[in-house]
Amino acid sequence: KFILVSSPPSKENNTEYIKTSKLFFKIGLSVP
């Protein structure tokens, strides 16, 4: 069960998404 996300690098903040996702996950929050 997955979601495919198409997020244009020139328009969206993809680097921050990955970074923040890892940090949220690390402290135990439920993020995808």
Full PDB file with SEQRES, HELIX, SHEET, SSBOND, CRYST1, ORIGX, SCALE, CONECT and MASTER records, all heavy atoms in Angstrom:
SEQRES   1 A   32  LYS PHE ILE LEU VAL SER SER PRO PRO SER LYS GLU ASN          
SEQRES   2 A   32  ASN THR GLU TYR ILE LYS THR SER LYS LEU PHE PHE LYS          
SEQRES   3 A   32  ILE GLY LEU SER VAL PRO                                      
HELIX    1 AA1 ASN A   14  LYS A   26  1                                  13    
CRYST1    1.000    1.000    1.000  90.00  90.00  90.00 P 1           1          
ORIGX1      1.000000  0.000000  0.000000        0.00000                         
ORIGX2      0.000000  1.000000  0.000000        0.00000                         
ORIGX3      0.000000  0.000000  1.000000        0.00000                         
SCALE1      1.000000  0.000000  0.000000        0.00000                         
SCALE2      0.000000  1.000000  0.000000        0.00000                         
SCALE3      0.000000  0.000000  1.000000        0.00000                         
ATOM      1  N   LYS A   1       0.841  -1.193   0.000  1.00  0.00           N  
ATOM      2  CA  LYS A   1       0.000   0.000   0.000  1.00  0.00           C  
ATOM      3  C   LYS A   1       0.878   1.246   0.000  1.00  0.00           C  
ATOM      4  O   LYS A   1       1.538   1.545   0.992  1.00  0.00           O  
ATOM      5  CB  LYS A   1      -0.921  -0.014   1.220  1.00  0.00           C  
ATOM      6  CG  LYS A   1      -1.921  -1.170   1.216  1.00  0.00           C  
ATOM      7  CD  LYS A   1      -2.834  -1.119   2.425  1.00  0.00           C  
ATOM      8  CE  LYS A   1      -3.848  -2.260   2.380  1.00  0.00           C  
ATOM      9  NZ  LYS A   1      -4.753  -2.240   3.543  1.00  0.00           N  
ATOM     10  N   PHE A   2       0.868   1.940  -1.114  1.00  0.00           N  
ATOM     11  CA  PHE A   2       1.731   3.107  -1.267  1.00  0.00           C  
ATOM     12  C   PHE A   2       0.988   4.262  -1.923  1.00  0.00           C  
ATOM     13  O   PHE A   2      -0.040   4.081  -2.576  1.00  0.00           O  
ATOM     14  CB  PHE A   2       2.943   2.772  -2.140  1.00  0.00           C  
ATOM     15  CG  PHE A   2       3.812   1.660  -1.626  1.00  0.00           C  
ATOM     16  CD1 PHE A   2       3.749   0.394  -2.191  1.00  0.00           C  
ATOM     17  CD2 PHE A   2       4.689   1.884  -0.566  1.00  0.00           C  
ATOM     18  CE1 PHE A   2       4.556  -0.636  -1.724  1.00  0.00           C  
ATOM     19  CE2 PHE A   2       5.489   0.864  -0.086  1.00  0.00           C  
ATOM     20  CZ  PHE A   2       5.421  -0.403  -0.670  1.00  0.00           C  
ATOM     21  N   ILE A   3       1.567   5.440  -1.762  1.00  0.00           N  
ATOM     22  CA  ILE A   3       1.162   6.631  -2.502  1.00  0.00           C  
ATOM     23  C   ILE A   3       2.346   7.043  -3.369  1.00  0.00           C  
ATOM     24  O   ILE A   3       3.475   7.142  -2.876  1.00  0.00           O  
ATOM     25  CB  ILE A   3       0.785   7.797  -1.566  1.00  0.00           C  
ATOM     26  CG1 ILE A   3      -0.425   7.437  -0.699  1.00  0.00           C  
ATOM     27  CG2 ILE A   3       0.504   9.062  -2.380  1.00  0.00           C  
ATOM     28  CD1 ILE A   3      -1.718   7.249  -1.450  1.00  0.00           C  
ATOM     29  N   LEU A   4       2.080   7.262  -4.639  1.00  0.00           N  
ATOM     30  CA  LEU A   4       3.102   7.803  -5.538  1.00  0.00           C  
ATOM     31  C   LEU A   4       2.891   9.310  -5.609  1.00  0.00           C  
ATOM     32  O   LEU A   4       1.796   9.780  -5.895  1.00  0.00           O  
ATOM     33  CB  LEU A   4       2.978   7.192  -6.932  1.00  0.00           C  
ATOM     34  CG  LEU A   4       3.919   7.769  -8.000  1.00  0.00           C  
ATOM     35  CD1 LEU A   4       5.373   7.440  -7.674  1.00  0.00           C  
ATOM     36  CD2 LEU A   4       3.548   7.247  -9.385  1.00  0.00           C  
ATOM     37  N   VAL A   5       3.950  10.052  -5.323  1.00  0.00           N  
ATOM     38  CA  VAL A   5       3.885  11.511  -5.343  1.00  0.00           C  
ATOM     39  C   VAL A   5       4.779  12.035  -6.472  1.00  0.00           C  
ATOM     40  O   VAL A   5       5.951  11.666  -6.563  1.00  0.00           O  
ATOM     41  CB  VAL A   5       4.357  12.119  -4.006  1.00  0.00           C  
ATOM     42  CG1 VAL A   5       4.171  13.636  -4.032  1.00  0.00           C  
ATOM     43  CG2 VAL A   5       3.610  11.505  -2.835  1.00  0.00           C  
ATOM     44  N   SER A   6       4.190  12.848  -7.324  1.00  0.00           N  
ATOM     45  CA  SER A   6       4.955  13.539  -8.357  1.00  0.00           C  
ATOM     46  C   SER A   6       5.095  14.990  -7.930  1.00  0.00           C  
ATOM     47  O   SER A   6       4.109  15.736  -7.889  1.00  0.00           O  
ATOM     48  CB  SER A   6       4.240  13.444  -9.711  1.00  0.00           C  
ATOM     49  OG  SER A   6       4.943  14.175 -10.698  1.00  0.00           O  
ATOM     50  N   SER A   7       6.307  15.380  -7.569  1.00  0.00           N  
ATOM     51  CA  SER A   7       6.543  16.695  -6.972  1.00  0.00           C  
ATOM     52  C   SER A   7       7.667  17.404  -7.721  1.00  0.00           C  
ATOM     53  O   SER A   7       8.855  17.147  -7.473  1.00  0.00           O  
ATOM     54  CB  SER A   7       6.920  16.513  -5.491  1.00  0.00           C  
ATOM     55  OG  SER A   7       7.100  17.732  -4.850  1.00  0.00           O  
ATOM     56  N   PRO A   8       7.331  18.292  -8.670  1.00  0.00           N  
ATOM     57  CA  PRO A   8       8.341  18.943  -9.515  1.00  0.00           C  
ATOM     58  C   PRO A   8       9.435  19.630  -8.698  1.00  0.00           C  
ATOM     59  O   PRO A   8       9.144  20.533  -7.912  1.00  0.00           O  
ATOM     60  CB  PRO A   8       7.533  19.978 -10.305  1.00  0.00           C  
ATOM     61  CG  PRO A   8       6.125  19.491 -10.255  1.00  0.00           C  
ATOM     62  CD  PRO A   8       5.968  18.807  -8.944  1.00  0.00           C  
ATOM     63  N   PRO A   9      10.678  19.217  -8.855  1.00  0.00           N  
ATOM     64  CA  PRO A   9      11.776  19.806  -8.066  1.00  0.00           C  
ATOM     65  C   PRO A   9      11.916  21.306  -8.236  1.00  0.00           C  
ATOM     66  O   PRO A   9      12.362  21.993  -7.310  1.00  0.00           O  
ATOM     67  CB  PRO A   9      13.021  19.077  -8.606  1.00  0.00           C  
ATOM     68  CG  PRO A   9      12.503  17.829  -9.235  1.00  0.00           C  
ATOM     69  CD  PRO A   9      11.153  18.167  -9.775  1.00  0.00           C  
ATOM     70  N   SER A  10      11.537  21.827  -9.379  1.00  0.00           N  
ATOM     71  CA  SER A  10      11.667  23.266  -9.623  1.00  0.00           C  
ATOM     72  C   SER A  10      10.567  24.070  -8.929  1.00  0.00           C  
ATOM     73  O   SER A  10      10.684  25.289  -8.781  1.00  0.00           O  
ATOM     74  CB  SER A  10      11.619  23.545 -11.130  1.00  0.00           C  
ATOM     75  OG  SER A  10      10.382  23.123 -11.677  1.00  0.00           O  
ATOM     76  N   LYS A  11       9.511  23.389  -8.486  1.00  0.00           N  
ATOM     77  CA  LYS A  11       8.366  24.074  -7.889  1.00  0.00           C  
ATOM     78  C   LYS A  11       8.183  23.764  -6.405  1.00  0.00           C  
ATOM     79  O   LYS A  11       7.623  24.583  -5.658  1.00  0.00           O  
ATOM     80  CB  LYS A  11       7.077  23.681  -8.625  1.00  0.00           C  
ATOM     81  CG  LYS A  11       7.068  23.985 -10.110  1.00  0.00           C  
ATOM     82  CD  LYS A  11       6.965  25.468 -10.360  1.00  0.00           C  
ATOM     83  CE  LYS A  11       6.778  25.754 -11.858  1.00  0.00           C  
ATOM     84  NZ  LYS A  11       6.665  27.204 -12.144  1.00  0.00           N  
ATOM     85  N   GLU A  12       8.626  22.587  -5.963  1.00  0.00           N  
ATOM     86  CA  GLU A  12       8.351  22.133  -4.604  1.00  0.00           C  
ATOM     87  C   GLU A  12       9.629  21.948  -3.791  1.00  0.00           C  
ATOM     88  O   GLU A  12      10.711  21.725  -4.341  1.00  0.00           O  
ATOM     89  CB  GLU A  12       7.559  20.825  -4.639  1.00  0.00           C  
ATOM     90  CG  GLU A  12       6.185  20.945  -5.276  1.00  0.00           C  
ATOM     91  CD  GLU A  12       5.237  21.808  -4.468  1.00  0.00           C  
ATOM     92  OE1 GLU A  12       5.451  21.952  -3.249  1.00  0.00           O  
ATOM     93  OE2 GLU A  12       4.280  22.347  -5.065  1.00  0.00           O  
ATOM     94  N   ASN A  13       9.454  21.986  -2.484  1.00  0.00           N  
ATOM     95  CA  ASN A  13      10.576  21.925  -1.548  1.00  0.00           C  
ATOM     96  C   ASN A  13      10.890  20.463  -1.170  1.00  0.00           C  
ATOM     97  O   ASN A  13      10.753  20.067  -0.018  1.00  0.00           O  
ATOM     98  CB  ASN A  13      10.232  22.735  -0.292  1.00  0.00           C  
ATOM     99  CG  ASN A  13      11.461  23.199   0.449  1.00  0.00           C  
ATOM    100  OD1 ASN A  13      12.577  22.826   0.120  1.00  0.00           O  
ATOM    101  ND2 ASN A  13      11.259  24.004   1.476  1.00  0.00           N  
ATOM    102  N   ASN A  14      11.320  19.678  -2.154  1.00  0.00           N  
ATOM    103  CA  ASN A  14      11.497  18.243  -1.941  1.00  0.00           C  
ATOM    104  C   ASN A  14      12.632  17.910  -0.973  1.00  0.00           C  
ATOM    105  O   ASN A  14      12.534  16.951  -0.201  1.00  0.00           O  
ATOM    106  CB  ASN A  14      11.757  17.541  -3.280  1.00  0.00           C  
ATOM    107  CG  ASN A  14      10.543  17.602  -4.190  1.00  0.00           C  
ATOM    108  OD1 ASN A  14       9.418  17.799  -3.731  1.00  0.00           O  
ATOM    109  ND2 ASN A  14      10.754  17.443  -5.477  1.00  0.00           N  
ATOM    110  N   THR A  15      13.687  18.686  -1.015  1.00  0.00           N  
ATOM    111  CA  THR A  15      14.817  18.435  -0.116  1.00  0.00           C  
ATOM    112  C   THR A  15      14.390  18.587   1.337  1.00  0.00           C  
ATOM    113  O   THR A  15      14.738  17.772   2.199  1.00  0.00           O  
ATOM    114  CB  THR A  15      15.983  19.392  -0.426  1.00  0.00           C  
ATOM    115  OG1 THR A  15      16.409  19.198  -1.780  1.00  0.00           O  
ATOM    116  CG2 THR A  15      17.156  19.124   0.512  1.00  0.00           C  
ATOM    117  N   GLU A  16      13.611  19.632   1.615  1.00  0.00           N  
ATOM    118  CA  GLU A  16      13.124  19.853   2.980  1.00  0.00           C  
ATOM    119  C   GLU A  16      12.144  18.763   3.390  1.00  0.00           C  
ATOM    120  O   GLU A  16      12.088  18.380   4.564  1.00  0.00           O  
ATOM    121  CB  GLU A  16      12.450  21.226   3.081  1.00  0.00           C  
ATOM    122  CG  GLU A  16      13.421  22.388   3.065  1.00  0.00           C  
ATOM    123  CD  GLU A  16      14.389  22.364   4.248  1.00  0.00           C  
ATOM    124  OE1 GLU A  16      13.942  22.098   5.380  1.00  0.00           O  
ATOM    125  OE2 GLU A  16      15.582  22.593   4.036  1.00  0.00           O  
ATOM    126  N   TYR A  17      11.377  18.256   2.436  1.00  0.00           N  
ATOM    127  CA  TYR A  17      10.434  17.180   2.751  1.00  0.00           C  
ATOM    128  C   TYR A  17      11.177  15.953   3.267  1.00  0.00           C  
ATOM    129  O   TYR A  17      10.819  15.379   4.305  1.00  0.00           O  
ATOM    130  CB  TYR A  17       9.597  16.807   1.526  1.00  0.00           C  
ATOM    131  CG  TYR A  17       8.657  15.653   1.798  1.00  0.00           C  
ATOM    132  CD1 TYR A  17       7.395  15.876   2.325  1.00  0.00           C  
ATOM    133  CD2 TYR A  17       9.045  14.333   1.550  1.00  0.00           C  
ATOM    134  CE1 TYR A  17       6.531  14.822   2.604  1.00  0.00           C  
ATOM    135  CE2 TYR A  17       8.193  13.278   1.830  1.00  0.00           C  
ATOM    136  CZ  TYR A  17       6.939  13.529   2.347  1.00  0.00           C  
ATOM    137  OH  TYR A  17       6.104  12.476   2.635  1.00  0.00           O  
ATOM    138  N   ILE A  18      12.206  15.553   2.543  1.00  0.00           N  
ATOM    139  CA  ILE A  18      12.977  14.375   2.937  1.00  0.00           C  
ATOM    140  C   ILE A  18      13.663  14.604   4.281  1.00  0.00           C  
ATOM    141  O   ILE A  18      13.625  13.751   5.179  1.00  0.00           O  
ATOM    142  CB  ILE A  18      14.027  14.026   1.861  1.00  0.00           C  
ATOM    143  CG1 ILE A  18      13.342  13.551   0.575  1.00  0.00           C  
ATOM    144  CG2 ILE A  18      14.987  12.957   2.366  1.00  0.00           C  
ATOM    145  CD1 ILE A  18      12.534  12.275   0.739  1.00  0.00           C  
ATOM    146  N   LYS A  19      14.263  15.763   4.442  1.00  0.00           N  
ATOM    147  CA  LYS A  19      14.979  16.064   5.684  1.00  0.00           C  
ATOM    148  C   LYS A  19      14.036  16.063   6.885  1.00  0.00           C  
ATOM    149  O   LYS A  19      14.315  15.429   7.909  1.00  0.00           O  
ATOM    150  CB  LYS A  19      15.682  17.427   5.559  1.00  0.00           C  
ATOM    151  CG  LYS A  19      16.502  17.792   6.795  1.00  0.00           C  
ATOM    152  CD  LYS A  19      17.217  19.129   6.614  1.00  0.00           C  
ATOM    153  CE  LYS A  19      16.262  20.288   6.722  1.00  0.00           C  
ATOM    154  NZ  LYS A  19      16.951  21.606   6.687  1.00  0.00           N  
ATOM    155  N   THR A  20      12.923  16.761   6.746  1.00  0.00           N  
ATOM    156  CA  THR A  20      11.986  16.859   7.864  1.00  0.00           C  
ATOM    157  C   THR A  20      11.320  15.520   8.139  1.00  0.00           C  
ATOM    158  O   THR A  20      11.068  15.166   9.295  1.00  0.00           O  
ATOM    159  CB  THR A  20      10.920  17.939   7.580  1.00  0.00           C  
ATOM    160  OG1 THR A  20      11.579  19.170   7.255  1.00  0.00           O  
ATOM    161  CG2 THR A  20      10.026  18.151   8.783  1.00  0.00           C  
ATOM    162  N   SER A  21      11.034  14.765   7.096  1.00  0.00           N  
ATOM    163  CA  SER A  21      10.450  13.432   7.261  1.00  0.00           C  
ATOM    164  C   SER A  21      11.346  12.550   8.125  1.00  0.00           C  
ATOM    165  O   SER A  21      10.888  11.866   9.049  1.00  0.00           O  
ATOM    166  CB  SER A  21      10.235  12.778   5.892  1.00  0.00           C  
ATOM    167  OG  SER A  21       9.811  11.440   6.046  1.00  0.00           O  
ATOM    168  N   LYS A  22      12.623  12.567   7.846  1.00  0.00           N  
ATOM    169  CA  LYS A  22      13.577  11.757   8.614  1.00  0.00           C  
ATOM    170  C   LYS A  22      13.630  12.197  10.075  1.00  0.00           C  
ATOM    171  O   LYS A  22      13.696  11.364  10.984  1.00  0.00           O  
ATOM    172  CB  LYS A  22      14.971  11.849   7.982  1.00  0.00           C  
ATOM    173  CG  LYS A  22      15.096  11.132   6.642  1.00  0.00           C  
ATOM    174  CD  LYS A  22      16.490  11.310   6.056  1.00  0.00           C  
ATOM    175  CE  LYS A  22      16.636  10.566   4.745  1.00  0.00           C  
ATOM    176  NZ  LYS A  22      17.978  10.780   4.133  1.00  0.00           N  
ATOM    177  N   LEU A  23      13.603  13.507  10.300  1.00  0.00           N  
ATOM    178  CA  LEU A  23      13.674  14.028  11.661  1.00  0.00           C  
ATOM    179  C   LEU A  23      12.400  13.719  12.456  1.00  0.00           C  
ATOM    180  O   LEU A  23      12.467  13.315  13.616  1.00  0.00           O  
ATOM    181  CB  LEU A  23      13.923  15.538  11.626  1.00  0.00           C  
ATOM    182  CG  LEU A  23      15.321  15.959  11.168  1.00  0.00           C  
ATOM    183  CD1 LEU A  23      15.374  17.464  10.923  1.00  0.00           C  
ATOM    184  CD2 LEU A  23      16.369  15.568  12.198  1.00  0.00           C  
ATOM    185  N   PHE A  24      11.251  13.899  11.827  1.00  0.00           N  
ATOM    186  CA  PHE A  24       9.983  13.565  12.490  1.00  0.00           C  
ATOM    187  C   PHE A  24       9.933  12.079  12.835  1.00  0.00           C  
ATOM    188  O   PHE A  24       9.498  11.694  13.930  1.00  0.00           O  
ATOM    189  CB  PHE A  24       8.800  13.935  11.592  1.00  0.00           C  
ATOM    190  CG  PHE A  24       8.391  15.381  11.672  1.00  0.00           C  
ATOM    191  CD1 PHE A  24       9.257  16.357  12.143  1.00  0.00           C  
ATOM    192  CD2 PHE A  24       7.134  15.784  11.257  1.00  0.00           C  
ATOM    193  CE1 PHE A  24       8.881  17.686  12.222  1.00  0.00           C  
ATOM    194  CE2 PHE A  24       6.741  17.106  11.316  1.00  0.00           C  
ATOM    195  CZ  PHE A  24       7.616  18.067  11.798  1.00  0.00           C  
ATOM    196  N   PHE A  25      10.341  11.265  11.880  1.00  0.00           N  
ATOM    197  CA  PHE A  25      10.339   9.812  12.086  1.00  0.00           C  
ATOM    198  C   PHE A  25      11.293   9.427  13.220  1.00  0.00           C  
ATOM    199  O   PHE A  25      10.992   8.561  14.045  1.00  0.00           O  
ATOM    200  CB  PHE A  25      10.746   9.106  10.790  1.00  0.00           C  
ATOM    201  CG  PHE A  25      10.560   7.612  10.812  1.00  0.00           C  
ATOM    202  CD1 PHE A  25       9.316   7.048  10.575  1.00  0.00           C  
ATOM    203  CD2 PHE A  25      11.631   6.771  11.076  1.00  0.00           C  
ATOM    204  CE1 PHE A  25       9.138   5.670  10.602  1.00  0.00           C  
ATOM    205  CE2 PHE A  25      11.466   5.392  11.108  1.00  0.00           C  
ATOM    206  CZ  PHE A  25      10.209   4.844  10.864  1.00  0.00           C  
ATOM    207  N   LYS A  26      12.421  10.098  13.272  1.00  0.00           N  
ATOM    208  CA  LYS A  26      13.434   9.795  14.277  1.00  0.00           C  
ATOM    209  C   LYS A  26      12.929  10.022  15.694  1.00  0.00           C  
ATOM    210  O   LYS A  26      13.257   9.260  16.613  1.00  0.00           O  
ATOM    211  CB  LYS A  26      14.682  10.653  14.034  1.00  0.00           C  
ATOM    212  CG  LYS A  26      15.836  10.377  14.999  1.00  0.00           C  
ATOM    213  CD  LYS A  26      17.051  11.226  14.653  1.00  0.00           C  
ATOM    214  CE  LYS A  26      18.195  10.953  15.614  1.00  0.00           C  
ATOM    215  NZ  LYS A  26      19.399  11.774  15.269  1.00  0.00           N  
ATOM    216  N   ILE A  27      12.106  11.053  15.890  1.00  0.00           N  
ATOM    217  CA  ILE A  27      11.631  11.338  17.243  1.00  0.00           C  
ATOM    218  C   ILE A  27      10.328  10.592  17.572  1.00  0.00           C  
ATOM    219  O   ILE A  27       9.783  10.731  18.663  1.00  0.00           O  
ATOM    220  CB  ILE A  27      11.433  12.849  17.486  1.00  0.00           C  
ATOM    221  CG1 ILE A  27      10.307  13.418  16.631  1.00  0.00           C  
ATOM    222  CG2 ILE A  27      12.732  13.607  17.264  1.00  0.00           C  
ATOM    223  CD1 ILE A  27       9.936  14.847  16.986  1.00  0.00           C  
ATOM    224  N   GLY A  28       9.830   9.806  16.608  1.00  0.00           N  
ATOM    225  CA  GLY A  28       8.695   8.944  16.912  1.00  0.00           C  
ATOM    226  C   GLY A  28       7.328   9.433  16.481  1.00  0.00           C  
ATOM    227  O   GLY A  28       6.317   8.890  16.927  1.00  0.00           O  
ATOM    228  N   LEU A  29       7.275  10.438  15.613  1.00  0.00           N  
ATOM    229  CA  LEU A  29       5.989  10.890  15.090  1.00  0.00           C  
ATOM    230  C   LEU A  29       5.575  10.021  13.907  1.00  0.00           C  
ATOM    231  O   LEU A  29       6.425   9.432  13.230  1.00  0.00           O  
ATOM    232  CB  LEU A  29       6.073  12.351  14.649  1.00  0.00           C  
ATOM    233  CG  LEU A  29       6.329  13.384  15.748  1.00  0.00           C  
ATOM    234  CD1 LEU A  29       6.457  14.771  15.144  1.00  0.00           C  
ATOM    235  CD2 LEU A  29       5.232  13.364  16.798  1.00  0.00           C  
ATOM    236  N   SER A  30       4.265   9.933  13.678  1.00  0.00           N  
ATOM    237  CA  SER A  30       3.758   9.141  12.558  1.00  0.00           C  
ATOM    238  C   SER A  30       3.725   9.989  11.289  1.00  0.00           C  
ATOM    239  O   SER A  30       2.813  10.807  11.098  1.00  0.00           O  
ATOM    240  CB  SER A  30       2.357   8.605  12.863  1.00  0.00           C  
ATOM    241  OG  SER A  30       2.403   7.542  13.786  1.00  0.00           O  
ATOM    242  N   VAL A  31       4.724   9.815  10.464  1.00  0.00           N  
ATOM    243  CA  VAL A  31       4.751  10.436   9.142  1.00  0.00           C  
ATOM    244  C   VAL A  31       4.864   9.305   8.120  1.00  0.00           C  
ATOM    245  O   VAL A  31       5.345   8.227   8.447  1.00  0.00           O  
ATOM    246  CB  VAL A  31       5.942  11.416   8.999  1.00  0.00           C  
ATOM    247  CG1 VAL A  31       5.779  12.607   9.934  1.00  0.00           C  
ATOM    248  CG2 VAL A  31       7.270  10.711   9.257  1.00  0.00           C  
ATOM    249  N   PRO A  32       4.410   9.526   6.887  1.00  0.00           N  
ATOM    250  CA  PRO A  32       4.488   8.455   5.894  1.00  0.00           C  
ATOM    251  C   PRO A  32       5.940   8.017   5.652  1.00  0.00           C  
ATOM    252  O   PRO A  32       6.802   8.843   5.344  1.00  0.00           O  
ATOM    253  CB  PRO A  32       3.898   9.107   4.631  1.00  0.00           C  
ATOM    254  CG  PRO A  32       3.050  10.215   5.136  1.00  0.00           C  
ATOM    255  CD  PRO A  32       3.751  10.732   6.356  1.00  0.00           C  
TER     256      PRO A  32                                                      
MASTER        0    0    0    1    0    0    0    6  255    1    0    3          
END                                                                             
